[in-house]
Full PDB file with SEQRES, HELIX, SHEET, SSBOND, CRYST1, ORIGX, SCALE, CONECT and MASTER records, all heavy atoms in Angstrom:
SEQRES   1 A   42  GLN HIS GLU LEU ASP LEU ARG LYS PRO GLY GLN SER SER          
SEQRES   2 A   42  ILE THR THR GLN ARG ASP GLU ASP ASP GLN ILE GLU LEU          
SEQRES   3 A   42  VAL SER GLY ILE PHE GLU GLY LYS SER LEU GLY THR PRO          
SEQRES   4 A   42  ILE ALA PHE                                                  
HELIX    1 AA1 HIS A    2  ARG A    7  1                                   6    
SHEET    1 AA1 2 ILE A  30  PHE A  31  0                                        
SHEET    2 AA1 2 LYS A  34  SER A  35 -1                                        
CRYST1    1.000    1.000    1.000  90.00  90.00  90.00 P 1           1          
ORIGX1      1.000000  0.000000  0.000000        0.00000                         
ORIGX2      0.000000  1.000000  0.000000        0.00000                         
ORIGX3      0.000000  0.000000  1.000000        0.00000                         
SCALE1      1.000000  0.000000  0.000000        0.00000                         
SCALE2      0.000000  1.000000  0.000000        0.00000                         
SCALE3      0.000000  0.000000  1.000000        0.00000                         
ATOM      1  N   GLN A   1     104.724  95.221  98.762  1.00  0.00           N  
ATOM      2  CA  GLN A   1     105.988  94.527  99.222  1.00  0.00           C  
ATOM      3  C   GLN A   1     106.327  93.398  98.208  1.00  0.00           C  
ATOM      4  O   GLN A   1     107.510  93.220  97.921  1.00  0.00           O  
ATOM      5  CB  GLN A   1     105.763  93.939 100.593  1.00  0.00           C  
ATOM      6  CG  GLN A   1     107.040  93.384 101.186  1.00  0.00           C  
ATOM      7  CD  GLN A   1     108.119  94.430 101.325  1.00  0.00           C  
ATOM      8  OE1 GLN A   1     107.922  95.480 101.937  1.00  0.00           O  
ATOM      9  NE2 GLN A   1     109.296  94.159 100.711  1.00  0.00           N  
ATOM     10  N   HIS A   2     105.342  92.739  97.629  1.00  0.00           N  
ATOM     11  CA  HIS A   2     105.640  91.734  96.653  1.00  0.00           C  
ATOM     12  C   HIS A   2     106.296  92.270  95.420  1.00  0.00           C  
ATOM     13  O   HIS A   2     107.266  91.710  94.913  1.00  0.00           O  
ATOM     14  CB  HIS A   2     104.318  91.051  96.235  1.00  0.00           C  
ATOM     15  CG  HIS A   2     104.462  90.046  95.107  1.00  0.00           C  
ATOM     16  ND1 HIS A   2     105.131  88.885  95.256  1.00  0.00           N  
ATOM     17  CD2 HIS A   2     104.012  90.097  93.812  1.00  0.00           C  
ATOM     18  CE1 HIS A   2     105.113  88.229  94.104  1.00  0.00           C  
ATOM     19  NE2 HIS A   2     104.424  88.945  93.210  1.00  0.00           N  
ATOM     20  N   GLU A   3     105.838  93.448  94.976  1.00  0.00           N  
ATOM     21  CA  GLU A   3     106.449  94.098  93.808  1.00  0.00           C  
ATOM     22  C   GLU A   3     107.920  94.445  94.141  1.00  0.00           C  
ATOM     23  O   GLU A   3     108.800  94.316  93.312  1.00  0.00           O  
ATOM     24  CB  GLU A   3     105.677  95.342  93.444  1.00  0.00           C  
ATOM     25  CG  GLU A   3     104.302  95.073  92.846  1.00  0.00           C  
ATOM     26  CD  GLU A   3     104.343  94.594  91.412  1.00  0.00           C  
ATOM     27  OE1 GLU A   3     105.247  95.041  90.653  1.00  0.00           O  
ATOM     28  OE2 GLU A   3     103.482  93.775  91.036  1.00  0.00           O  
ATOM     29  N   LEU A   4     108.151  94.948  95.357  1.00  0.00           N  
ATOM     30  CA  LEU A   4     109.538  95.299  95.817  1.00  0.00           C  
ATOM     31  C   LEU A   4     110.386  94.045  95.857  1.00  0.00           C  
ATOM     32  O   LEU A   4     111.584  94.107  95.503  1.00  0.00           O  
ATOM     33  CB  LEU A   4     109.499  95.996  97.161  1.00  0.00           C  
ATOM     34  CG  LEU A   4     109.032  97.430  97.214  1.00  0.00           C  
ATOM     35  CD1 LEU A   4     108.796  97.876  98.646  1.00  0.00           C  
ATOM     36  CD2 LEU A   4     110.013  98.339  96.503  1.00  0.00           C  
ATOM     37  N   ASP A   5     109.822  92.908  96.293  1.00  0.00           N  
ATOM     38  CA  ASP A   5     110.567  91.677  96.361  1.00  0.00           C  
ATOM     39  C   ASP A   5     111.021  91.201  94.999  1.00  0.00           C  
ATOM     40  O   ASP A   5     112.061  90.552  94.837  1.00  0.00           O  
ATOM     41  CB  ASP A   5     109.731  90.586  97.052  1.00  0.00           C  
ATOM     42  CG  ASP A   5     109.569  90.824  98.558  1.00  0.00           C  
ATOM     43  OD1 ASP A   5     110.267  91.698  99.113  1.00  0.00           O  
ATOM     44  OD2 ASP A   5     108.633  90.235  99.132  1.00  0.00           O  
ATOM     45  N   LEU A   6     110.205  91.523  93.945  1.00  0.00           N  
ATOM     46  CA  LEU A   6     110.567  91.124  92.637  1.00  0.00           C  
ATOM     47  C   LEU A   6     111.750  91.908  92.095  1.00  0.00           C  
ATOM     48  O   LEU A   6     112.461  91.438  91.177  1.00  0.00           O  
ATOM     49  CB  LEU A   6     109.389  91.291  91.688  1.00  0.00           C  
ATOM     50  CG  LEU A   6     108.168  90.376  91.918  1.00  0.00           C  
ATOM     51  CD1 LEU A   6     107.012  90.803  91.014  1.00  0.00           C  
ATOM     52  CD2 LEU A   6     108.527  88.945  91.707  1.00  0.00           C  
ATOM     53  N   ARG A   7     111.944  93.106  92.650  1.00  0.00           N  
ATOM     54  CA  ARG A   7     113.041  93.963  92.212  1.00  0.00           C  
ATOM     55  C   ARG A   7     114.275  93.876  93.077  1.00  0.00           C  
ATOM     56  O   ARG A   7     115.427  94.178  92.630  1.00  0.00           O  
ATOM     57  CB  ARG A   7     112.555  95.444  92.262  1.00  0.00           C  
ATOM     58  CG  ARG A   7     113.472  96.458  91.514  1.00  0.00           C  
ATOM     59  CD  ARG A   7     113.630  97.716  92.360  1.00  0.00           C  
ATOM     60  NE  ARG A   7     114.454  97.429  93.494  1.00  0.00           N  
ATOM     61  CZ  ARG A   7     115.759  97.661  93.569  1.00  0.00           C  
ATOM     62  NH1 ARG A   7     116.410  98.118  92.546  1.00  0.00           N  
ATOM     63  NH2 ARG A   7     116.485  97.365  94.648  1.00  0.00           N  
ATOM     64  N   LYS A   8     114.149  93.403  94.305  1.00  0.00           N  
ATOM     65  CA  LYS A   8     115.248  93.523  95.250  1.00  0.00           C  
ATOM     66  C   LYS A   8     116.471  92.667  94.892  1.00  0.00           C  
ATOM     67  O   LYS A   8     116.349  91.691  94.120  1.00  0.00           O  
ATOM     68  CB  LYS A   8     114.753  93.098  96.689  1.00  0.00           C  
ATOM     69  CG  LYS A   8     114.500  91.597  96.881  1.00  0.00           C  
ATOM     70  CD  LYS A   8     114.123  91.355  98.321  1.00  0.00           C  
ATOM     71  CE  LYS A   8     113.967  89.871  98.571  1.00  0.00           C  
ATOM     72  NZ  LYS A   8     113.559  89.577  99.977  1.00  0.00           N  
ATOM     73  N   PRO A   9     117.625  93.070  95.358  1.00  0.00           N  
ATOM     74  CA  PRO A   9     118.894  92.311  95.055  1.00  0.00           C  
ATOM     75  C   PRO A   9     118.944  91.030  95.850  1.00  0.00           C  
ATOM     76  O   PRO A   9     118.131  90.760  96.742  1.00  0.00           O  
ATOM     77  CB  PRO A   9     119.961  93.282  95.522  1.00  0.00           C  
ATOM     78  CG  PRO A   9     119.333  94.086  96.632  1.00  0.00           C  
ATOM     79  CD  PRO A   9     117.909  94.249  96.188  1.00  0.00           C  
ATOM     80  N   GLY A  10     119.916  90.177  95.464  1.00  0.00           N  
ATOM     81  CA  GLY A  10     120.174  88.967  96.237  1.00  0.00           C  
ATOM     82  C   GLY A  10     119.146  87.871  96.095  1.00  0.00           C  
ATOM     83  O   GLY A  10     119.118  86.932  96.931  1.00  0.00           O  
ATOM     84  N   GLN A  11     118.271  87.921  95.059  1.00  0.00           N  
ATOM     85  CA  GLN A  11     117.197  86.941  94.986  1.00  0.00           C  
ATOM     86  C   GLN A  11     117.484  85.728  94.203  1.00  0.00           C  
ATOM     87  O   GLN A  11     116.745  84.758  94.205  1.00  0.00           O  
ATOM     88  CB  GLN A  11     115.908  87.621  94.454  1.00  0.00           C  
ATOM     89  CG  GLN A  11     116.107  88.256  93.119  1.00  0.00           C  
ATOM     90  CD  GLN A  11     114.884  89.031  92.657  1.00  0.00           C  
ATOM     91  OE1 GLN A  11     113.905  88.407  92.151  1.00  0.00           O  
ATOM     92  NE2 GLN A  11     114.847  90.312  92.832  1.00  0.00           N  
ATOM     93  N   SER A  12     118.636  85.738  93.437  1.00  0.00           N  
ATOM     94  CA  SER A  12     118.995  84.555  92.683  1.00  0.00           C  
ATOM     95  C   SER A  12     120.473  84.546  92.344  1.00  0.00           C  
ATOM     96  O   SER A  12     121.173  85.566  92.630  1.00  0.00           O  
ATOM     97  CB  SER A  12     118.189  84.488  91.374  1.00  0.00           C  
ATOM     98  OG  SER A  12     118.696  85.374  90.441  1.00  0.00           O  
ATOM     99  N   SER A  13     120.957  83.516  91.726  1.00  0.00           N  
ATOM    100  CA  SER A  13     122.372  83.387  91.413  1.00  0.00           C  
ATOM    101  C   SER A  13     122.833  84.347  90.317  1.00  0.00           C  
ATOM    102  O   SER A  13     124.027  84.564  90.080  1.00  0.00           O  
ATOM    103  CB  SER A  13     122.738  81.915  91.019  1.00  0.00           C  
ATOM    104  OG  SER A  13     121.941  81.584  89.860  1.00  0.00           O  
ATOM    105  N   ILE A  14     121.866  84.888  89.530  1.00  0.00           N  
ATOM    106  CA  ILE A  14     122.280  85.732  88.425  1.00  0.00           C  
ATOM    107  C   ILE A  14     122.025  87.207  88.674  1.00  0.00           C  
ATOM    108  O   ILE A  14     122.120  88.065  87.818  1.00  0.00           O  
ATOM    109  CB  ILE A  14     121.464  85.374  87.104  1.00  0.00           C  
ATOM    110  CG1 ILE A  14     119.978  85.492  87.312  1.00  0.00           C  
ATOM    111  CG2 ILE A  14     121.820  83.941  86.683  1.00  0.00           C  
ATOM    112  CD1 ILE A  14     119.181  85.304  86.030  1.00  0.00           C  
ATOM    113  N   THR A  15     121.767  87.563  89.983  1.00  0.00           N  
ATOM    114  CA  THR A  15     121.597  88.958  90.330  1.00  0.00           C  
ATOM    115  C   THR A  15     122.683  89.331  91.415  1.00  0.00           C  
ATOM    116  O   THR A  15     123.343  88.431  91.931  1.00  0.00           O  
ATOM    117  CB  THR A  15     120.212  89.273  90.941  1.00  0.00           C  
ATOM    118  OG1 THR A  15     120.023  88.468  92.168  1.00  0.00           O  
ATOM    119  CG2 THR A  15     119.108  88.853  89.980  1.00  0.00           C  
ATOM    120  N   THR A  16     122.837  90.648  91.655  1.00  0.00           N  
ATOM    121  CA  THR A  16     123.775  91.071  92.649  1.00  0.00           C  
ATOM    122  C   THR A  16     123.458  90.433  94.005  1.00  0.00           C  
ATOM    123  O   THR A  16     122.280  90.258  94.353  1.00  0.00           O  
ATOM    124  CB  THR A  16     123.743  92.605  92.824  1.00  0.00           C  
ATOM    125  OG1 THR A  16     124.541  92.984  93.930  1.00  0.00           O  
ATOM    126  CG2 THR A  16     122.328  93.111  93.026  1.00  0.00           C  
ATOM    127  N   GLN A  17     124.496  90.124  94.784  1.00  0.00           N  
ATOM    128  CA  GLN A  17     124.290  89.502  96.070  1.00  0.00           C  
ATOM    129  C   GLN A  17     124.199  90.468  97.237  1.00  0.00           C  
ATOM    130  O   GLN A  17     124.320  90.072  98.413  1.00  0.00           O  
ATOM    131  CB  GLN A  17     125.411  88.467  96.301  1.00  0.00           C  
ATOM    132  CG  GLN A  17     125.401  87.302  95.302  1.00  0.00           C  
ATOM    133  CD  GLN A  17     124.037  86.623  95.251  1.00  0.00           C  
ATOM    134  OE1 GLN A  17     123.601  86.042  96.231  1.00  0.00           O  
ATOM    135  NE2 GLN A  17     123.346  86.714  94.116  1.00  0.00           N  
ATOM    136  N   ARG A  18     124.002  91.756  96.912  1.00  0.00           N  
ATOM    137  CA  ARG A  18     123.675  92.714  97.994  1.00  0.00           C  
ATOM    138  C   ARG A  18     122.381  92.220  98.673  1.00  0.00           C  
ATOM    139  O   ARG A  18     121.390  91.987  98.007  1.00  0.00           O  
ATOM    140  CB  ARG A  18     123.494  94.094  97.414  1.00  0.00           C  
ATOM    141  CG  ARG A  18     123.153  95.133  98.486  1.00  0.00           C  
ATOM    142  CD  ARG A  18     123.151  96.566  97.937  1.00  0.00           C  
ATOM    143  NE  ARG A  18     122.726  97.521  98.940  1.00  0.00           N  
ATOM    144  CZ  ARG A  18     122.787  98.863  98.818  1.00  0.00           C  
ATOM    145  NH1 ARG A  18     123.306  99.369  97.706  1.00  0.00           N  
ATOM    146  NH2 ARG A  18     122.410  99.660  99.753  1.00  0.00           N  
ATOM    147  N   ASP A  19     122.438  92.070  99.987  1.00  0.00           N  
ATOM    148  CA  ASP A  19     121.324  91.399 100.677  1.00  0.00           C  
ATOM    149  C   ASP A  19     120.463  92.391 101.429  1.00  0.00           C  
ATOM    150  O   ASP A  19     120.637  92.663 102.577  1.00  0.00           O  
ATOM    151  CB  ASP A  19     121.903  90.351 101.689  1.00  0.00           C  
ATOM    152  CG  ASP A  19     120.793  89.514 102.312  1.00  0.00           C  
ATOM    153  OD1 ASP A  19     119.688  89.467 101.773  1.00  0.00           O  
ATOM    154  OD2 ASP A  19     121.072  88.922 103.363  1.00  0.00           O  
ATOM    155  N   GLU A  20     119.505  92.991 100.664  1.00  0.00           N  
ATOM    156  CA  GLU A  20     118.591  93.939 101.240  1.00  0.00           C  
ATOM    157  C   GLU A  20     117.193  93.342 101.293  1.00  0.00           C  
ATOM    158  O   GLU A  20     116.753  92.704 100.374  1.00  0.00           O  
ATOM    159  CB  GLU A  20     118.529  95.235 100.387  1.00  0.00           C  
ATOM    160  CG  GLU A  20     119.853  96.004 100.326  1.00  0.00           C  
ATOM    161  CD  GLU A  20     120.065  96.871 101.521  1.00  0.00           C  
ATOM    162  OE1 GLU A  20     119.256  96.836 102.480  1.00  0.00           O  
ATOM    163  OE2 GLU A  20     121.015  97.634 101.520  1.00  0.00           O  
ATOM    164  N   ASP A  21     116.474  93.569 102.418  1.00  0.00           N  
ATOM    165  CA  ASP A  21     115.109  93.033 102.494  1.00  0.00           C  
ATOM    166  C   ASP A  21     114.117  93.990 101.851  1.00  0.00           C  
ATOM    167  O   ASP A  21     113.024  93.620 101.536  1.00  0.00           O  
ATOM    168  CB  ASP A  21     114.706  92.706 103.917  1.00  0.00           C  
ATOM    169  CG  ASP A  21     114.823  93.912 104.863  1.00  0.00           C  
ATOM    170  OD1 ASP A  21     115.019  95.039 104.379  1.00  0.00           O  
ATOM    171  OD2 ASP A  21     114.727  93.705 106.101  1.00  0.00           O  
ATOM    172  N   ASP A  22     114.501  95.248 101.686  1.00  0.00           N  
ATOM    173  CA  ASP A  22     113.702  96.247 101.018  1.00  0.00           C  
ATOM    174  C   ASP A  22     112.272  96.316 101.627  1.00  0.00           C  
ATOM    175  O   ASP A  22     111.259  96.322 100.832  1.00  0.00           O  
ATOM    176  CB  ASP A  22     113.691  95.987  99.513  1.00  0.00           C  
ATOM    177  CG  ASP A  22     114.944  96.371  98.836  1.00  0.00           C  
ATOM    178  OD1 ASP A  22     115.808  96.936  99.473  1.00  0.00           O  
ATOM    179  OD2 ASP A  22     115.082  96.090  97.626  1.00  0.00           O  
ATOM    180  N   GLN A  23     112.168  96.407 102.895  1.00  0.00           N  
ATOM    181  CA  GLN A  23     110.886  96.555 103.561  1.00  0.00           C  
ATOM    182  C   GLN A  23     110.408  97.992 103.502  1.00  0.00           C  
ATOM    183  O   GLN A  23     111.111  98.922 103.863  1.00  0.00           O  
ATOM    184  CB  GLN A  23     110.985  96.090 104.989  1.00  0.00           C  
ATOM    185  CG  GLN A  23     111.206  94.594 105.168  1.00  0.00           C  
ATOM    186  CD  GLN A  23     110.005  93.795 104.700  1.00  0.00           C  
ATOM    187  OE1 GLN A  23     108.854  94.086 105.087  1.00  0.00           O  
ATOM    188  NE2 GLN A  23     110.248  92.737 103.934  1.00  0.00           N  
ATOM    189  N   ILE A  24     109.165  98.157 103.095  1.00  0.00           N  
ATOM    190  CA  ILE A  24     108.598  99.525 102.959  1.00  0.00           C  
ATOM    191  C   ILE A  24     108.146 100.044 104.296  1.00  0.00           C  
ATOM    192  O   ILE A  24     107.581  99.290 105.108  1.00  0.00           O  
ATOM    193  CB  ILE A  24     107.447  99.525 101.936  1.00  0.00           C  
ATOM    194  CG1 ILE A  24     106.969 100.981 101.708  1.00  0.00           C  
ATOM    195  CG2 ILE A  24     106.278  98.597 102.322  1.00  0.00           C  
ATOM    196  CD1 ILE A  24     106.021 101.149 100.576  1.00  0.00           C  
ATOM    197  N   GLU A  25     108.363 101.298 104.570  1.00  0.00           N  
ATOM    198  CA  GLU A  25     107.890 101.980 105.764  1.00  0.00           C  
ATOM    199  C   GLU A  25     107.007 103.100 105.276  1.00  0.00           C  
ATOM    200  O   GLU A  25     107.479 104.049 104.580  1.00  0.00           O  
ATOM    201  CB  GLU A  25     109.028 102.548 106.590  1.00  0.00           C  
ATOM    202  CG  GLU A  25     109.962 101.487 107.151  1.00  0.00           C  
ATOM    203  CD  GLU A  25     111.111 102.127 107.938  1.00  0.00           C  
ATOM    204  OE1 GLU A  25     110.908 103.235 108.503  1.00  0.00           O  
ATOM    205  OE2 GLU A  25     112.225 101.516 107.942  1.00  0.00           O  
ATOM    206  N   LEU A  26     105.751 103.095 105.621  1.00  0.00           N  
ATOM    207  CA  LEU A  26     104.837 104.179 105.233  1.00  0.00           C  
ATOM    208  C   LEU A  26     104.869 105.276 106.281  1.00  0.00           C  
ATOM    209  O   LEU A  26     104.742 104.990 107.484  1.00  0.00           O  
ATOM    210  CB  LEU A  26     103.421 103.632 105.095  1.00  0.00           C  
ATOM    211  CG  LEU A  26     103.188 102.778 103.830  1.00  0.00           C  
ATOM    212  CD1 LEU A  26     101.842 102.090 103.862  1.00  0.00           C  
ATOM    213  CD2 LEU A  26     103.293 103.611 102.549  1.00  0.00           C  
ATOM    214  N   VAL A  27     105.051 106.515 105.821  1.00  0.00           N  
ATOM    215  CA  VAL A  27     105.212 107.606 106.746  1.00  0.00           C  
ATOM    216  C   VAL A  27     103.923 108.390 106.841  1.00  0.00           C  
ATOM    217  O   VAL A  27     103.567 108.957 107.884  1.00  0.00           O  
ATOM    218  CB  VAL A  27     106.353 108.530 106.320  1.00  0.00           C  
ATOM    219  CG1 VAL A  27     106.518 109.709 107.241  1.00  0.00           C  
ATOM    220  CG2 VAL A  27     107.686 107.739 106.264  1.00  0.00           C  
ATOM    221  N   SER A  28     103.177 108.547 105.718  1.00  0.00           N  
ATOM    222  CA  SER A  28     101.966 109.344 105.724  1.00  0.00           C  
ATOM    223  C   SER A  28     101.097 108.953 104.587  1.00  0.00           C  
ATOM    224  O   SER A  28     101.451 108.174 103.668  1.00  0.00           O  
ATOM    225  CB  SER A  28     102.301 110.823 105.596  1.00  0.00           C  
ATOM    226  OG  SER A  28     102.818 111.082 104.275  1.00  0.00           O  
ATOM    227  N   GLY A  29      99.801 109.462 104.634  1.00  0.00           N  
ATOM    228  CA  GLY A  29      98.897 109.301 103.508  1.00  0.00           C  
ATOM    229  C   GLY A  29      97.974 108.129 103.519  1.00  0.00           C  
ATOM    230  O   GLY A  29      97.074 108.033 102.638  1.00  0.00           O  
ATOM    231  N   ILE A  30      98.153 107.201 104.460  1.00  0.00           N  
ATOM    232  CA  ILE A  30      97.310 106.001 104.520  1.00  0.00           C  
ATOM    233  C   ILE A  30      96.827 105.857 105.984  1.00  0.00           C  
ATOM    234  O   ILE A  30      97.627 105.884 106.905  1.00  0.00           O  
ATOM    235  CB  ILE A  30      98.041 104.743 104.024  1.00  0.00           C  
ATOM    236  CG1 ILE A  30      98.421 104.883 102.579  1.00  0.00           C  
ATOM    237  CG2 ILE A  30      97.190 103.503 104.227  1.00  0.00           C  
ATOM    238  CD1 ILE A  30      99.225 103.776 101.994  1.00  0.00           C  
ATOM    239  N   PHE A  31      95.537 105.656 106.126  1.00  0.00           N  
ATOM    240  CA  PHE A  31      94.913 105.517 107.473  1.00  0.00           C  
ATOM    241  C   PHE A  31      93.888 104.396 107.418  1.00  0.00           C  
ATOM    242  O   PHE A  31      93.028 104.356 106.575  1.00  0.00           O  
ATOM    243  CB  PHE A  31      94.253 106.835 107.856  1.00  0.00           C  
ATOM    244  CG  PHE A  31      93.564 106.792 109.233  1.00  0.00           C  
ATOM    245  CD1 PHE A  31      94.299 106.600 110.382  1.00  0.00           C  
ATOM    246  CD2 PHE A  31      92.203 106.896 109.299  1.00  0.00           C  
ATOM    247  CE1 PHE A  31      93.679 106.571 111.622  1.00  0.00           C  
ATOM    248  CE2 PHE A  31      91.560 106.844 110.535  1.00  0.00           C  
ATOM    249  CZ  PHE A  31      92.277 106.698 111.707  1.00  0.00           C  
ATOM    250  N   GLU A  32      94.070 103.462 108.363  1.00  0.00           N  
ATOM    251  CA  GLU A  32      93.175 102.288 108.473  1.00  0.00           C  
ATOM    252  C   GLU A  32      93.039 101.581 107.129  1.00  0.00           C  
ATOM    253  O   GLU A  32      91.985 101.136 106.755  1.00  0.00           O  
ATOM    254  CB  GLU A  32      91.786 102.732 108.980  1.00  0.00           C  
ATOM    255  CG  GLU A  32      91.827 103.264 110.444  1.00  0.00           C  
ATOM    256  CD  GLU A  32      90.472 103.673 110.972  1.00  0.00           C  
ATOM    257  OE1 GLU A  32      89.527 103.836 110.160  1.00  0.00           O  
ATOM    258  OE2 GLU A  32      90.315 103.724 112.196  1.00  0.00           O  
ATOM    259  N   GLY A  33      94.180 101.468 106.471  1.00  0.00           N  
ATOM    260  CA  GLY A  33      94.242 100.690 105.230  1.00  0.00           C  
ATOM    261  C   GLY A  33      93.733 101.364 104.011  1.00  0.00           C  
ATOM    262  O   GLY A  33      93.670 100.743 102.915  1.00  0.00           O  
ATOM    263  N   LYS A  34      93.407 102.658 104.086  1.00  0.00           N  
ATOM    264  CA  LYS A  34      92.926 103.374 102.922  1.00  0.00           C  
ATOM    265  C   LYS A  34      93.690 104.658 102.698  1.00  0.00           C  
ATOM    266  O   LYS A  34      94.228 105.296 103.628  1.00  0.00           O  
ATOM    267  CB  LYS A  34      91.387 103.694 103.054  1.00  0.00           C  
ATOM    268  CG  LYS A  34      90.510 102.482 103.081  1.00  0.00           C  
ATOM    269  CD  LYS A  34      89.050 102.856 103.143  1.00  0.00           C  
ATOM    270  CE  LYS A  34      88.157 101.619 103.095  1.00  0.00           C  
ATOM    271  NZ  LYS A  34      86.720 102.004 103.112  1.00  0.00           N  
ATOM    272  N   SER A  35      93.753 105.096 101.438  1.00  0.00           N  
ATOM    273  CA  SER A  35      94.394 106.347 101.080  1.00  0.00           C  
ATOM    274  C   SER A  35      93.594 107.534 101.528  1.00  0.00           C  
ATOM    275  O   SER A  35      92.341 107.498 101.526  1.00  0.00           O  
ATOM    276  CB  SER A  35      94.613 106.422  99.569  1.00  0.00           C  
ATOM    277  OG  SER A  35      93.361 106.321  98.876  1.00  0.00           O  
ATOM    278  N   LEU A  36      94.301 108.550 102.057  1.00  0.00           N  
ATOM    279  CA  LEU A  36      93.647 109.746 102.564  1.00  0.00           C  
ATOM    280  C   LEU A  36      93.424 110.854 101.497  1.00  0.00           C  
ATOM    281  O   LEU A  36      92.716 111.795 101.751  1.00  0.00           O  
ATOM    282  CB  LEU A  36      94.424 110.348 103.728  1.00  0.00           C  
ATOM    283  CG  LEU A  36      94.452 109.484 105.024  1.00  0.00           C  
ATOM    284  CD1 LEU A  36      95.477 110.059 105.973  1.00  0.00           C  
ATOM    285  CD2 LEU A  36      93.036 109.532 105.625  1.00  0.00           C  
ATOM    286  N   GLY A  37      94.108 110.663 100.397  1.00  0.00           N  
ATOM    287  CA  GLY A  37      94.080 111.749  99.376  1.00  0.00           C  
ATOM    288  C   GLY A  37      95.172 112.768  99.659  1.00  0.00           C  
ATOM    289  O   GLY A  37      95.349 113.677  98.843  1.00  0.00           O  
ATOM    290  N   THR A  38      95.909 112.594 100.721  1.00  0.00           N  
ATOM    291  CA  THR A  38      97.054 113.441 101.030  1.00  0.00           C  
ATOM    292  C   THR A  38      98.312 112.774 100.558  1.00  0.00           C  
ATOM    293  O   THR A  38      98.296 111.629 100.132  1.00  0.00           O  
ATOM    294  CB  THR A  38      97.129 113.643 102.549  1.00  0.00           C  
ATOM    295  OG1 THR A  38      97.229 112.396 103.200  1.00  0.00           O  
ATOM    296  CG2 THR A  38      95.920 114.364 103.095  1.00  0.00           C  
ATOM    297  N   PRO A  39      99.454 113.518 100.547  1.00  0.00           N  
ATOM    298  CA  PRO A  39     100.722 112.905 100.066  1.00  0.00           C  
ATOM    299  C   PRO A  39     101.065 111.607 100.790  1.00  0.00           C  
ATOM    300  O   PRO A  39     100.989 111.537 102.013  1.00  0.00           O  
ATOM    301  CB  PRO A  39     101.768 113.979 100.314  1.00  0.00           C  
ATOM    302  CG  PRO A  39     101.001 115.260 100.245  1.00  0.00           C  
ATOM    303  CD  PRO A  39      99.683 114.972 100.843  1.00  0.00           C  
ATOM    304  N   ILE A  40     101.385 110.570 100.030  1.00  0.00           N  
ATOM    305  CA  ILE A  40     101.788 109.300 100.579  1.00  0.00           C  
ATOM    306  C   ILE A  40     103.343 109.320 100.596  1.00  0.00           C  
ATOM    307  O   ILE A  40     103.961 109.310  99.507  1.00  0.00           O  
ATOM    308  CB  ILE A  40     101.286 108.137  99.744  1.00  0.00           C  
ATOM    309  CG1 ILE A  40      99.736 108.100  99.758  1.00  0.00           C  
ATOM    310  CG2 ILE A  40     101.807 106.825 100.247  1.00  0.00           C  
ATOM    311  CD1 ILE A  40      99.114 107.103  98.828  1.00  0.00           C  
ATOM    312  N   ALA A  41     103.945 109.322 101.792  1.00  0.00           N  
ATOM    313  CA  ALA A  41     105.393 109.297 101.898  1.00  0.00           C  
ATOM    314  C   ALA A  41     105.811 107.934 102.396  1.00  0.00           C  
ATOM    315  O   ALA A  41     105.191 107.331 103.199  1.00  0.00           O  
ATOM    316  CB  ALA A  41     105.855 110.381 102.856  1.00  0.00           C  
ATOM    317  N   PHE A  42     106.963 107.467 101.902  1.00  0.00           N  
ATOM    318  CA  PHE A  42     107.456 106.146 102.267  1.00  0.00           C  
ATOM    319  C   PHE A  42     108.978 106.088 102.217  1.00  0.00           C  
ATOM    320  O   PHE A  42     109.640 106.951 101.643  1.00  0.00           O  
ATOM    321  CB  PHE A  42     106.889 105.093 101.293  1.00  0.00           C  
ATOM    322  CG  PHE A  42     107.301 105.288  99.877  1.00  0.00           C  
ATOM    323  CD1 PHE A  42     108.458 104.746  99.350  1.00  0.00           C  
ATOM    324  CD2 PHE A  42     106.491 106.032  98.997  1.00  0.00           C  
ATOM    325  CE1 PHE A  42     108.807 104.917  98.035  1.00  0.00           C  
ATOM    326  CE2 PHE A  42     106.888 106.243  97.683  1.00  0.00           C  
ATOM    327  CZ  PHE A  42     108.066 105.684  97.195  1.00  0.00           C  
TER     328      PHE A  42                                                      
MASTER        0    0    0    1    2    0    0    6  327    1    0    4          
END                                                                             
């Protein structure tokens, strides 16, 4: 999420003011905080 925040719009006066929070939603591939080795969808 930190990496996404560095890329997201609206973060300063010199970037686009589109106001997206860019929150990641994990759909598959991670269980109990660890990768399963299966496809990670987000």
